[in-house]
Amino acid sequence: MKILIDTYGADKGERVLVDGAIIAKEKREFTPVFVGNKDKIEELIDGRIEDYEIIHTDEFISNDEDPARAIRRKKNASIVLAFEKSKEEGYDGVLSAGSTGALLAGGLFIAKRIKGIDRACLATSLPTLGETTLLMDTGANMDCKKEFLEEFGLMGKVYLENVLNIENPKIGLLNVGVEEHKGNKLAKETYALLKEANLNFVGNIEARDLFTGKVNVILADGFDGNIAIKTAEGIFSLMGKELKDVFYKSLSNKLAAGILKKDLKSMFNKFSADEVGGAPLLGVKSYAYKAHGNANEIAISNAILGLMDYINKNVIENIERELI
C-alpha cells in the first residue's frame, strides 16, 4: 500500500508528518509517499527508513487562500499533486494536515464526487462512554441542505458497518433540544426527511450528549459541527491544566496524583485527539484523511493507520453500492 502524505500545512511543520509516517511504518507495512520539499524531507528522514518516495514541490495552499480558486490555479500545490497521483494505479490514499478547504476542493474537483452524493464531509470519531460516535460534518460544509445531511447519515452508516463492524448504527441530529419541533428551519426539515429515510434515525441529540454514546452518528452542518468539536477540545485542554494545578498545589495532592497517575493517564488518553488521529473525507472517489493542523507525530501515525483501515474496507465501493 502507498500512502500519499502532504507534508505542508501542519502547525509544527514537516517533521511531524515524517516522524508520524515512520512510527506508523513500525506498526504496519506500507510505503509513505511524501509530497513536499525533497531536500527537507530527506534531511528529516535521515536514513531511518529506506522504503519511501518523494514527490517534490515547494508550492502549497494555505488556510488564508480561497480553496476552490487555489486548487485550479496552483497546479503544483502539494495537495493537488497528491490527489492527482492518487488517481494512478498503485497509489491508495491521501493524508493532509493542511487546509480543510483545500482537501475538500481537491476531493471535489480532482478526485470527483461519488455518483449520487452532492457533498463530501468529514466524519470525526468522538471518544465516548459507549460505542463509537461519528460527528458529521466537522468543517467541510458550512451551509447545508437537508438532503446533504441525509447523505452524511448514509455515508456514516456504511463507514461504521464496514470499518468498525457496528450493525445498523443509530443516527441522531444535533439540535438545541430533543423534541421534534425544536431547532431552526434546517433542523426541522432535516428531522422530517430523516424520519422517512432508510436509516436508523432515533431523533434529536443535544450537545451535552456528544460523548455519551447515545447514538453512533451525529449529523450537523459543518459550522455547528466544527464549533461543537472545538468547544469540546478546549474544555478537555482546560480540564487537564486545571487538574495539573490542583495536583501540584500541595504535597498531599502530589502523593494522590502519584497514586492516580496511571488511571488519569488512561482517562485522558481516551479523550485525546492524538488517539483518533484524523477523520475520513467521505463522499469522494479517492480515499482521503484529514489530520488536525496542530497534530503531533502520534496523531499523524494514528491518522495514517486509520486511513489504511478505511482503504482496506472498500468503503467507497460500499457507499456506491448503497446508492444503487
C-alpha atoms as a PDB file:
ATOM      1  CA  MET A   1       0.000   0.000   0.000  1.00  0.00           C
ATOM      2  CA  LYS A   2       1.247   3.502  -0.889  1.00  0.00           C
ATOM      3  CA  ILE A   3       0.014   6.453   1.175  1.00  0.00           C
ATOM      4  CA  LEU A   4       0.469   9.990  -0.175  1.00  0.00           C
ATOM      5  CA  ILE A   5       1.397  12.369   2.648  1.00  0.00           C
ATOM      6  CA  ASP A   6       1.081  16.127   2.132  1.00  0.00           C
ATOM      7  CA  THR A   7       3.975  17.471   4.230  1.00  0.00           C
ATOM      8  CA  TYR A   8       2.725  21.082   4.213  1.00  0.00           C
ATOM      9  CA  GLY A   9       0.117  22.638   6.488  1.00  0.00           C
ATOM     10  CA  ALA A  10       0.845  21.182   9.935  1.00  0.00           C
ATOM     11  CA  ASP A  11       1.398  23.801  12.643  1.00  0.00           C
ATOM     12  CA  LYS A  12       4.604  22.043  13.727  1.00  0.00           C
ATOM     13  CA  GLY A  13       5.994  21.706  10.214  1.00  0.00           C
ATOM     14  CA  GLU A  14       7.092  18.788   8.064  1.00  0.00           C
ATOM     15  CA  ARG A  15       8.766  16.941  10.932  1.00  0.00           C
ATOM     16  CA  VAL A  16       5.508  15.674  12.488  1.00  0.00           C
ATOM     17  CA  LEU A  17       4.394  14.258   9.120  1.00  0.00           C
ATOM     18  CA  VAL A  18       7.702  12.464   8.545  1.00  0.00           C
ATOM     19  CA  ASP A  19       8.029  11.228  12.139  1.00  0.00           C
ATOM     20  CA  GLY A  20       4.386  10.132  12.177  1.00  0.00           C
ATOM     21  CA  ALA A  21       4.866   8.128   8.986  1.00  0.00           C
ATOM     22  CA  ILE A  22       7.953   6.424  10.422  1.00  0.00           C
ATOM     23  CA  ILE A  23       6.060   5.494  13.617  1.00  0.00           C
ATOM     24  CA  ALA A  24       3.139   4.133  11.560  1.00  0.00           C
ATOM     25  CA  LYS A  25       5.560   2.147   9.397  1.00  0.00           C
ATOM     26  CA  GLU A  26       6.886   0.421  12.525  1.00  0.00           C
ATOM     27  CA  LYS A  27       3.357  -0.802  13.238  1.00  0.00           C
ATOM     28  CA  ARG A  28       2.167  -1.693   9.729  1.00  0.00           C
ATOM     29  CA  GLU A  29       3.892  -2.173   6.392  1.00  0.00           C
ATOM     30  CA  PHE A  30       3.261   0.487   3.746  1.00  0.00           C
ATOM     31  CA  THR A  31       5.209   2.894   1.545  1.00  0.00           C
ATOM     32  CA  PRO A  32       4.980   6.564   2.531  1.00  0.00           C
ATOM     33  CA  VAL A  33       4.951   8.897  -0.470  1.00  0.00           C
ATOM     34  CA  PHE A  34       5.911  12.333   0.842  1.00  0.00           C
ATOM     35  CA  VAL A  35       4.740  15.352  -1.157  1.00  0.00           C
ATOM     36  CA  GLY A  36       6.860  18.412  -0.404  1.00  0.00           C
ATOM     37  CA  ASN A  37      10.382  19.784  -0.436  1.00  0.00           C
ATOM     38  CA  LYS A  38      12.724  16.896  -1.315  1.00  0.00           C
ATOM     39  CA  ASP A  39      15.828  18.204   0.485  1.00  0.00           C
ATOM     40  CA  LYS A  40      13.916  18.996   3.684  1.00  0.00           C
ATOM     41  CA  ILE A  41      12.144  15.622   3.723  1.00  0.00           C
ATOM     42  CA  GLU A  42      15.351  13.634   3.153  1.00  0.00           C
ATOM     43  CA  GLU A  43      17.059  15.600   5.905  1.00  0.00           C
ATOM     44  CA  LEU A  44      14.223  14.752   8.315  1.00  0.00           C
ATOM     45  CA  ILE A  45      14.193  11.058   7.320  1.00  0.00           C
ATOM     46  CA  ASP A  46      17.961  10.901   7.956  1.00  0.00           C
ATOM     47  CA  GLY A  47      18.268   7.259   6.909  1.00  0.00           C
ATOM     48  CA  ARG A  48      15.649   5.988   9.368  1.00  0.00           C
ATOM     49  CA  ILE A  49      13.675   4.256   6.615  1.00  0.00           C
ATOM     50  CA  GLU A  50      14.613   3.061   3.144  1.00  0.00           C
ATOM     51  CA  ASP A  51      11.239   2.311   1.551  1.00  0.00           C
ATOM     52  CA  TYR A  52       9.699   5.676   0.636  1.00  0.00           C
ATOM     53  CA  GLU A  53       9.033   8.012  -2.286  1.00  0.00           C
ATOM     54  CA  ILE A  54       9.155  11.797  -2.612  1.00  0.00           C
ATOM     55  CA  ILE A  55       7.167  13.992  -4.989  1.00  0.00           C
ATOM     56  CA  HIS A  56       8.988  17.316  -4.925  1.00  0.00           C
ATOM     57  CA  THR A  57       7.208  20.661  -4.720  1.00  0.00           C
ATOM     58  CA  ASP A  58       7.683  23.961  -2.912  1.00  0.00           C
ATOM     59  CA  GLU A  59       4.105  25.061  -3.534  1.00  0.00           C
ATOM     60  CA  PHE A  60       1.179  24.611  -1.150  1.00  0.00           C
ATOM     61  CA  ILE A  61      -2.255  26.053  -0.339  1.00  0.00           C
ATOM     62  CA  SER A  62      -2.524  27.975   2.916  1.00  0.00           C
ATOM     63  CA  ASN A  63      -5.568  28.422   5.153  1.00  0.00           C
ATOM     64  CA  ASP A  64      -5.784  32.062   4.048  1.00  0.00           C
ATOM     65  CA  GLU A  65      -6.431  31.251   0.385  1.00  0.00           C
ATOM     66  CA  ASP A  66      -9.730  30.605  -1.363  1.00  0.00           C
ATOM     67  CA  PRO A  67      -9.594  26.786  -1.704  1.00  0.00           C
ATOM     68  CA  ALA A  68     -11.508  26.362  -4.966  1.00  0.00           C
ATOM     69  CA  ARG A  69      -9.577  29.122  -6.727  1.00  0.00           C
ATOM     70  CA  ALA A  70      -6.218  27.911  -5.385  1.00  0.00           C
ATOM     71  CA  ILE A  71      -6.856  24.300  -6.462  1.00  0.00           C
ATOM     72  CA  ARG A  72      -7.461  25.474 -10.034  1.00  0.00           C
ATOM     73  CA  ARG A  73      -4.571  27.979 -10.096  1.00  0.00           C
ATOM     74  CA  LYS A  74      -1.806  26.160  -8.194  1.00  0.00           C
ATOM     75  CA  LYS A  75      -1.230  23.051 -10.291  1.00  0.00           C
ATOM     76  CA  ASN A  76       1.942  22.160  -8.364  1.00  0.00           C
ATOM     77  CA  ALA A  77       0.490  22.622  -4.879  1.00  0.00           C
ATOM     78  CA  SER A  78       1.177  19.634  -2.643  1.00  0.00           C
ATOM     79  CA  ILE A  79      -2.473  18.660  -2.138  1.00  0.00           C
ATOM     80  CA  VAL A  80      -3.132  18.956  -5.904  1.00  0.00           C
ATOM     81  CA  LEU A  81      -0.189  16.685  -6.738  1.00  0.00           C
ATOM     82  CA  ALA A  82      -1.283  14.212  -4.032  1.00  0.00           C
ATOM     83  CA  PHE A  83      -4.837  13.920  -5.384  1.00  0.00           C
ATOM     84  CA  GLU A  84      -3.615  13.675  -8.986  1.00  0.00           C
ATOM     85  CA  LYS A  85      -1.206  10.878  -8.009  1.00  0.00           C
ATOM     86  CA  SER A  86      -3.939   9.065  -6.050  1.00  0.00           C
ATOM     87  CA  LYS A  87      -5.788   8.513  -9.339  1.00  0.00           C
ATOM     88  CA  GLU A  88      -2.871   6.441 -10.655  1.00  0.00           C
ATOM     89  CA  GLU A  89      -2.642   2.674 -10.230  1.00  0.00           C
ATOM     90  CA  GLY A  90      -0.770   1.637  -7.108  1.00  0.00           C
ATOM     91  CA  TYR A  91      -1.378   4.775  -5.026  1.00  0.00           C
ATOM     92  CA  ASP A  92      -4.011   4.181  -2.389  1.00  0.00           C
ATOM     93  CA  GLY A  93      -4.816   7.199  -0.219  1.00  0.00           C
ATOM     94  CA  VAL A  94      -4.090  10.824   0.709  1.00  0.00           C
ATOM     95  CA  LEU A  95      -3.326  12.294   4.132  1.00  0.00           C
ATOM     96  CA  SER A  96      -3.183  16.028   4.840  1.00  0.00           C
ATOM     97  CA  ALA A  97      -2.887  18.184   7.959  1.00  0.00           C
ATOM     98  CA  GLY A  98      -3.251  21.353   5.894  1.00  0.00           C
ATOM     99  CA  SER A  99      -6.211  23.438   4.782  1.00  0.00           C
ATOM    100  CA  THR A 100      -9.527  21.619   5.221  1.00  0.00           C
ATOM    101  CA  GLY A 101     -10.985  23.670   2.381  1.00  0.00           C
ATOM    102  CA  ALA A 102      -8.150  22.653   0.058  1.00  0.00           C
ATOM    103  CA  LEU A 103      -8.628  18.974   0.937  1.00  0.00           C
ATOM    104  CA  LEU A 104     -12.343  19.254   0.220  1.00  0.00           C
ATOM    105  CA  ALA A 105     -11.792  21.194  -3.015  1.00  0.00           C
ATOM    106  CA  GLY A 106      -9.184  18.672  -4.154  1.00  0.00           C
ATOM    107  CA  GLY A 107     -11.578  15.847  -3.417  1.00  0.00           C
ATOM    108  CA  LEU A 108     -14.401  17.506  -5.345  1.00  0.00           C
ATOM    109  CA  PHE A 109     -12.509  18.897  -8.349  1.00  0.00           C
ATOM    110  CA  ILE A 110      -9.739  16.312  -8.812  1.00  0.00           C
ATOM    111  CA  ALA A 111     -10.946  13.023  -7.295  1.00  0.00           C
ATOM    112  CA  LYS A 112     -14.617  13.888  -8.045  1.00  0.00           C
ATOM    113  CA  ARG A 113     -17.700  13.058  -6.025  1.00  0.00           C
ATOM    114  CA  ILE A 114     -19.230   9.622  -5.711  1.00  0.00           C
ATOM    115  CA  LYS A 115     -22.218   9.461  -8.074  1.00  0.00           C
ATOM    116  CA  GLY A 116     -25.348  10.236  -6.078  1.00  0.00           C
ATOM    117  CA  ILE A 117     -23.538  12.248  -3.393  1.00  0.00           C
ATOM    118  CA  ASP A 118     -23.958  16.042  -3.510  1.00  0.00           C
ATOM    119  CA  ARG A 119     -21.482  16.972  -0.752  1.00  0.00           C
ATOM    120  CA  ALA A 120     -18.435  15.312   0.780  1.00  0.00           C
ATOM    121  CA  CYS A 121     -17.980  15.613   4.531  1.00  0.00           C
ATOM    122  CA  LEU A 122     -15.525  14.964   7.358  1.00  0.00           C
ATOM    123  CA  ALA A 123     -16.530  12.198   9.764  1.00  0.00           C
ATOM    124  CA  THR A 124     -14.782  12.849  13.077  1.00  0.00           C
ATOM    125  CA  SER A 125     -14.677   9.986  15.578  1.00  0.00           C
ATOM    126  CA  LEU A 126     -15.580  11.087  19.117  1.00  0.00           C
ATOM    127  CA  PRO A 127     -14.337   9.371  22.291  1.00  0.00           C
ATOM    128  CA  THR A 128     -17.444   8.158  24.107  1.00  0.00           C
ATOM    129  CA  LEU A 129     -18.619   6.165  27.109  1.00  0.00           C
ATOM    130  CA  GLY A 130     -20.308   3.697  24.774  1.00  0.00           C
ATOM    131  CA  GLU A 131     -19.810   2.651  21.157  1.00  0.00           C
ATOM    132  CA  THR A 132     -18.010   4.822  18.627  1.00  0.00           C
ATOM    133  CA  THR A 133     -19.751   8.040  17.607  1.00  0.00           C
ATOM    134  CA  LEU A 134     -19.048   9.965  14.396  1.00  0.00           C
ATOM    135  CA  LEU A 135     -19.761  13.697  14.191  1.00  0.00           C
ATOM    136  CA  MET A 136     -20.605  14.621  10.589  1.00  0.00           C
ATOM    137  CA  ASP A 137     -19.767  17.264   9.362  1.00  0.00           C
ATOM    138  CA  THR A 138     -16.966  18.999  11.278  1.00  0.00           C
ATOM    139  CA  GLY A 139     -15.969  21.761   8.894  1.00  0.00           C
ATOM    140  CA  ALA A 140     -16.110  20.803   5.232  1.00  0.00           C
ATOM    141  CA  ASN A 141     -19.574  22.290   4.553  1.00  0.00           C
ATOM    142  CA  MET A 142     -20.541  25.476   6.378  1.00  0.00           C
ATOM    143  CA  ASP A 143     -24.004  25.636   4.802  1.00  0.00           C
ATOM    144  CA  CYS A 144     -26.100  22.528   4.225  1.00  0.00           C
ATOM    145  CA  LYS A 145     -29.439  21.425   2.852  1.00  0.00           C
ATOM    146  CA  LYS A 146     -31.493  18.679   4.452  1.00  0.00           C
ATOM    147  CA  GLU A 147     -30.560  16.330   1.608  1.00  0.00           C
ATOM    148  CA  PHE A 148     -26.855  16.785   2.382  1.00  0.00           C
ATOM    149  CA  LEU A 149     -27.385  15.740   5.994  1.00  0.00           C
ATOM    150  CA  GLU A 150     -29.296  12.651   4.867  1.00  0.00           C
ATOM    151  CA  GLU A 151     -26.320  11.755   2.639  1.00  0.00           C
ATOM    152  CA  PHE A 152     -23.953  12.227   5.589  1.00  0.00           C
ATOM    153  CA  GLY A 153     -26.079   9.778   7.565  1.00  0.00           C
ATOM    154  CA  LEU A 154     -25.930   7.199   4.779  1.00  0.00           C
ATOM    155  CA  MET A 155     -22.151   7.509   4.430  1.00  0.00           C
ATOM    156  CA  GLY A 156     -21.664   7.340   8.192  1.00  0.00           C
ATOM    157  CA  LYS A 157     -23.768   4.195   8.323  1.00  0.00           C
ATOM    158  CA  VAL A 158     -21.684   2.484   5.621  1.00  0.00           C
ATOM    159  CA  TYR A 159     -18.406   3.585   7.227  1.00  0.00           C
ATOM    160  CA  LEU A 160     -19.352   2.272  10.677  1.00  0.00           C
ATOM    161  CA  GLU A 161     -20.768  -1.002   9.365  1.00  0.00           C
ATOM    162  CA  ASN A 162     -17.689  -1.750   7.280  1.00  0.00           C
ATOM    163  CA  VAL A 163     -14.765  -0.265   9.211  1.00  0.00           C
ATOM    164  CA  LEU A 164     -15.932  -0.707  12.810  1.00  0.00           C
ATOM    165  CA  ASN A 165     -18.438  -3.559  12.390  1.00  0.00           C
ATOM    166  CA  ILE A 166     -21.296  -1.659  14.058  1.00  0.00           C
ATOM    167  CA  GLU A 167     -24.560  -3.074  12.741  1.00  0.00           C
ATOM    168  CA  ASN A 168     -27.475  -0.758  11.959  1.00  0.00           C
ATOM    169  CA  PRO A 169     -25.864   2.284  13.649  1.00  0.00           C
ATOM    170  CA  LYS A 170     -28.127   4.776  15.413  1.00  0.00           C
ATOM    171  CA  ILE A 171     -28.373   8.193  13.729  1.00  0.00           C
ATOM    172  CA  GLY A 172     -29.065  11.426  15.637  1.00  0.00           C
ATOM    173  CA  LEU A 173     -29.443  15.080  14.621  1.00  0.00           C
ATOM    174  CA  LEU A 174     -27.547  17.752  16.598  1.00  0.00           C
ATOM    175  CA  ASN A 175     -30.102  20.243  17.873  1.00  0.00           C
ATOM    176  CA  VAL A 176     -30.973  22.600  20.732  1.00  0.00           C
ATOM    177  CA  GLY A 177     -33.488  20.145  22.183  1.00  0.00           C
ATOM    178  CA  VAL A 178     -34.642  16.563  21.775  1.00  0.00           C
ATOM    179  CA  GLU A 179     -38.219  17.444  20.817  1.00  0.00           C
ATOM    180  CA  GLU A 180     -39.188  17.134  17.160  1.00  0.00           C
ATOM    181  CA  HIS A 181     -40.432  20.727  16.883  1.00  0.00           C
ATOM    182  CA  LYS A 182     -37.182  22.272  18.204  1.00  0.00           C
ATOM    183  CA  GLY A 183     -34.487  23.982  16.148  1.00  0.00           C
ATOM    184  CA  ASN A 184     -34.093  26.217  13.132  1.00  0.00           C
ATOM    185  CA  LYS A 185     -35.592  25.669   9.687  1.00  0.00           C
ATOM    186  CA  LEU A 186     -32.815  23.304   8.581  1.00  0.00           C
ATOM    187  CA  ALA A 187     -33.138  21.162  11.713  1.00  0.00           C
ATOM    188  CA  LYS A 188     -36.911  20.827  11.370  1.00  0.00           C
ATOM    189  CA  GLU A 189     -36.755  19.999   7.656  1.00  0.00           C
ATOM    190  CA  THR A 190     -33.932  17.502   8.199  1.00  0.00           C
ATOM    191  CA  TYR A 191     -35.815  15.806  11.038  1.00  0.00           C
ATOM    192  CA  ALA A 192     -38.845  15.271   8.788  1.00  0.00           C
ATOM    193  CA  LEU A 193     -36.662  13.868   5.984  1.00  0.00           C
ATOM    194  CA  LEU A 194     -34.704  11.528   8.260  1.00  0.00           C
ATOM    195  CA  LYS A 195     -37.925  10.119   9.723  1.00  0.00           C
ATOM    196  CA  GLU A 196     -38.780   8.784   6.275  1.00  0.00           C
ATOM    197  CA  ALA A 197     -35.253   7.716   5.314  1.00  0.00           C
ATOM    198  CA  ASN A 198     -33.963   4.158   5.298  1.00  0.00           C
ATOM    199  CA  LEU A 199     -31.763   4.875   8.315  1.00  0.00           C
ATOM    200  CA  ASN A 200     -31.957   4.014  11.998  1.00  0.00           C
ATOM    201  CA  PHE A 201     -32.847   7.613  12.914  1.00  0.00           C
ATOM    202  CA  VAL A 202     -33.540   7.998  16.640  1.00  0.00           C
ATOM    203  CA  GLY A 203     -34.242  11.740  16.785  1.00  0.00           C
ATOM    204  CA  ASN A 204     -32.516  14.881  18.003  1.00  0.00           C
ATOM    205  CA  ILE A 205     -29.494  14.880  20.283  1.00  0.00           C
ATOM    206  CA  GLU A 206     -28.175  17.796  22.331  1.00  0.00           C
ATOM    207  CA  ALA A 207     -24.518  18.829  22.514  1.00  0.00           C
ATOM    208  CA  ARG A 208     -24.330  17.610  26.130  1.00  0.00           C
ATOM    209  CA  ASP A 209     -24.564  14.060  24.775  1.00  0.00           C
ATOM    210  CA  LEU A 210     -21.719  14.319  22.241  1.00  0.00           C
ATOM    211  CA  PHE A 211     -19.611  11.894  24.279  1.00  0.00           C
ATOM    212  CA  THR A 212     -22.195   9.677  25.968  1.00  0.00           C
ATOM    213  CA  GLY A 213     -22.502   7.216  23.088  1.00  0.00           C
ATOM    214  CA  LYS A 214     -26.284   7.545  22.795  1.00  0.00           C
ATOM    215  CA  VAL A 215     -26.006   7.426  19.008  1.00  0.00           C
ATOM    216  CA  ASN A 216     -23.370   6.272  16.525  1.00  0.00           C
ATOM    217  CA  VAL A 217     -23.685   9.161  14.063  1.00  0.00           C
ATOM    218  CA  ILE A 218     -24.441  12.782  14.983  1.00  0.00           C
ATOM    219  CA  LEU A 219     -25.446  14.858  11.969  1.00  0.00           C
ATOM    220  CA  ALA A 220     -24.706  18.580  11.745  1.00  0.00           C
ATOM    221  CA  ASP A 221     -23.723  21.173   9.190  1.00  0.00           C
ATOM    222  CA  GLY A 222     -20.005  21.962   9.154  1.00  0.00           C
ATOM    223  CA  PHE A 223     -20.496  25.245  11.015  1.00  0.00           C
ATOM    224  CA  ASP A 224     -22.267  23.768  14.043  1.00  0.00           C
ATOM    225  CA  GLY A 225     -20.192  20.586  13.991  1.00  0.00           C
ATOM    226  CA  ASN A 226     -16.904  22.482  13.951  1.00  0.00           C
ATOM    227  CA  ILE A 227     -17.954  24.726  16.828  1.00  0.00           C
ATOM    228  CA  ALA A 228     -19.077  21.692  18.835  1.00  0.00           C
ATOM    229  CA  ILE A 229     -15.859  19.716  18.368  1.00  0.00           C
ATOM    230  CA  LYS A 230     -13.559  22.684  19.011  1.00  0.00           C
ATOM    231  CA  THR A 231     -15.504  23.671  22.124  1.00  0.00           C
ATOM    232  CA  ALA A 232     -15.040  20.132  23.420  1.00  0.00           C
ATOM    233  CA  GLU A 233     -11.304  20.201  22.615  1.00  0.00           C
ATOM    234  CA  GLY A 234     -10.968  23.460  24.547  1.00  0.00           C
ATOM    235  CA  ILE A 235     -12.781  22.062  27.574  1.00  0.00           C
ATOM    236  CA  PHE A 236     -10.611  18.924  27.661  1.00  0.00           C
ATOM    237  CA  SER A 237      -7.472  21.058  27.436  1.00  0.00           C
ATOM    238  CA  LEU A 238      -8.694  23.348  30.223  1.00  0.00           C
ATOM    239  CA  MET A 239      -9.591  20.380  32.439  1.00  0.00           C
ATOM    240  CA  GLY A 240      -6.096  18.964  32.005  1.00  0.00           C
ATOM    241  CA  LYS A 241      -4.452  22.238  33.013  1.00  0.00           C
ATOM    242  CA  GLU A 242      -6.770  22.711  35.995  1.00  0.00           C
ATOM    243  CA  LEU A 243      -6.137  19.181  37.257  1.00  0.00           C
ATOM    244  CA  LYS A 244      -2.395  19.694  36.929  1.00  0.00           C
ATOM    245  CA  ASP A 245      -2.634  22.871  39.029  1.00  0.00           C
ATOM    246  CA  VAL A 246      -4.653  21.033  41.680  1.00  0.00           C
ATOM    247  CA  PHE A 247      -2.204  18.125  41.901  1.00  0.00           C
ATOM    248  CA  TYR A 248       0.805  20.424  42.298  1.00  0.00           C
ATOM    249  CA  LYS A 249      -0.906  22.557  44.933  1.00  0.00           C
ATOM    250  CA  SER A 250       0.371  20.640  47.957  1.00  0.00           C
ATOM    251  CA  LEU A 251       2.450  17.625  48.973  1.00  0.00           C
ATOM    252  CA  SER A 252      -0.660  15.576  49.809  1.00  0.00           C
ATOM    253  CA  ASN A 253      -2.119  16.366  46.386  1.00  0.00           C
ATOM    254  CA  LYS A 254       1.138  15.305  44.722  1.00  0.00           C
ATOM    255  CA  LEU A 255       1.017  11.983  46.580  1.00  0.00           C
ATOM    256  CA  ALA A 256      -2.604  11.494  45.492  1.00  0.00           C
ATOM    257  CA  ALA A 257      -1.621  12.297  41.899  1.00  0.00           C
ATOM    258  CA  GLY A 258       1.124   9.692  42.075  1.00  0.00           C
ATOM    259  CA  ILE A 259      -1.382   7.049  43.156  1.00  0.00           C
ATOM    260  CA  LEU A 260      -3.867   8.018  40.439  1.00  0.00           C
ATOM    261  CA  LYS A 261      -1.296   8.685  37.706  1.00  0.00           C
ATOM    262  CA  LYS A 262      -1.902   5.505  35.712  1.00  0.00           C
ATOM    263  CA  ASP A 263      -5.703   5.797  35.767  1.00  0.00           C
ATOM    264  CA  LEU A 264      -5.611   9.514  34.972  1.00  0.00           C
ATOM    265  CA  LYS A 265      -3.310   8.912  32.005  1.00  0.00           C
ATOM    266  CA  SER A 266      -5.641   6.210  30.710  1.00  0.00           C
ATOM    267  CA  MET A 267      -8.645   8.529  31.059  1.00  0.00           C
ATOM    268  CA  PHE A 268      -7.022  11.471  29.275  1.00  0.00           C
ATOM    269  CA  ASN A 269      -5.671   9.226  26.527  1.00  0.00           C
ATOM    270  CA  LYS A 270      -9.227   8.108  25.812  1.00  0.00           C
ATOM    271  CA  PHE A 271     -10.283  11.710  25.222  1.00  0.00           C
ATOM    272  CA  SER A 272      -7.117  12.733  23.418  1.00  0.00           C
ATOM    273  CA  ALA A 273      -7.294  13.863  19.797  1.00  0.00           C
ATOM    274  CA  ASP A 274      -3.961  12.090  19.308  1.00  0.00           C
ATOM    275  CA  GLU A 275      -5.655   8.702  19.680  1.00  0.00           C
ATOM    276  CA  VAL A 276      -8.213   9.497  16.980  1.00  0.00           C
ATOM    277  CA  GLY A 277      -5.599  10.969  14.655  1.00  0.00           C
ATOM    278  CA  GLY A 278      -7.885  12.318  11.966  1.00  0.00           C
ATOM    279  CA  ALA A 279     -11.111  11.993  10.013  1.00  0.00           C
ATOM    280  CA  PRO A 280     -12.011  10.427   6.653  1.00  0.00           C
ATOM    281  CA  LEU A 281     -13.324  12.668   3.889  1.00  0.00           C
ATOM    282  CA  LEU A 282     -16.409  10.731   2.825  1.00  0.00           C
ATOM    283  CA  GLY A 283     -18.161  11.250  -0.487  1.00  0.00           C
ATOM    284  CA  VAL A 284     -15.270  11.499  -2.965  1.00  0.00           C
ATOM    285  CA  LYS A 285     -13.742   8.824  -5.192  1.00  0.00           C
ATOM    286  CA  SER A 286     -10.285   8.941  -3.565  1.00  0.00           C
ATOM    287  CA  TYR A 287      -9.510   7.703  -0.069  1.00  0.00           C
ATOM    288  CA  ALA A 288      -8.562  10.876   1.820  1.00  0.00           C
ATOM    289  CA  TYR A 289      -7.962  11.570   5.505  1.00  0.00           C
ATOM    290  CA  LYS A 290      -7.693  14.910   7.334  1.00  0.00           C
ATOM    291  CA  ALA A 291      -5.358  15.226  10.314  1.00  0.00           C
ATOM    292  CA  HIS A 292      -5.657  18.160  12.720  1.00  0.00           C
ATOM    293  CA  GLY A 293      -3.439  21.135  11.940  1.00  0.00           C
ATOM    294  CA  ASN A 294      -1.867  21.028  15.415  1.00  0.00           C
ATOM    295  CA  ALA A 295      -1.342  17.247  15.324  1.00  0.00           C
ATOM    296  CA  ASN A 296       1.827  15.710  16.746  1.00  0.00           C
ATOM    297  CA  GLU A 297       3.641  12.664  15.368  1.00  0.00           C
ATOM    298  CA  ILE A 298       1.464  10.241  17.383  1.00  0.00           C
ATOM    299  CA  ALA A 299      -1.706  11.737  15.932  1.00  0.00           C
ATOM    300  CA  ILE A 300      -0.248  11.584  12.411  1.00  0.00           C
ATOM    301  CA  SER A 301       0.725   7.946  12.931  1.00  0.00           C
ATOM    302  CA  ASN A 302      -2.803   7.074  14.076  1.00  0.00           C
ATOM    303  CA  ALA A 303      -4.285   9.031  11.174  1.00  0.00           C
ATOM    304  CA  ILE A 304      -2.229   7.000   8.698  1.00  0.00           C
ATOM    305  CA  LEU A 305      -3.326   3.740  10.331  1.00  0.00           C
ATOM    306  CA  GLY A 306      -6.953   4.938  10.266  1.00  0.00           C
ATOM    307  CA  LEU A 307      -6.649   5.810   6.584  1.00  0.00           C
ATOM    308  CA  MET A 308      -5.292   2.322   5.859  1.00  0.00           C
ATOM    309  CA  ASP A 309      -8.280   0.731   7.632  1.00  0.00           C
ATOM    310  CA  TYR A 310     -10.594   2.984   5.604  1.00  0.00           C
ATOM    311  CA  ILE A 311      -8.942   1.799   2.379  1.00  0.00           C
ATOM    312  CA  ASN A 312      -8.849  -1.888   3.330  1.00  0.00           C
ATOM    313  CA  LYS A 313     -12.601  -1.977   3.976  1.00  0.00           C
ATOM    314  CA  ASN A 314     -13.504  -0.691   0.489  1.00  0.00           C
ATOM    315  CA  VAL A 315     -15.794   1.968   1.955  1.00  0.00           C
ATOM    316  CA  ILE A 316     -16.083   3.991  -1.274  1.00  0.00           C
ATOM    317  CA  GLU A 317     -17.225   0.949  -3.221  1.00  0.00           C
ATOM    318  CA  ASN A 318     -19.708   0.060  -0.471  1.00  0.00           C
ATOM    319  CA  ILE A 319     -21.163   3.598  -0.489  1.00  0.00           C
ATOM    320  CA  GLU A 320     -21.570   3.337  -4.256  1.00  0.00           C
ATOM    321  CA  ARG A 321     -23.420   0.035  -3.883  1.00  0.00           C
ATOM    322  CA  GLU A 322     -25.687   1.522  -1.224  1.00  0.00           C
ATOM    323  CA  LEU A 323     -26.729   4.254  -3.650  1.00  0.00           C
ATOM    324  CA  ILE A 324     -27.715   1.885  -6.470  1.00  0.00           C
END
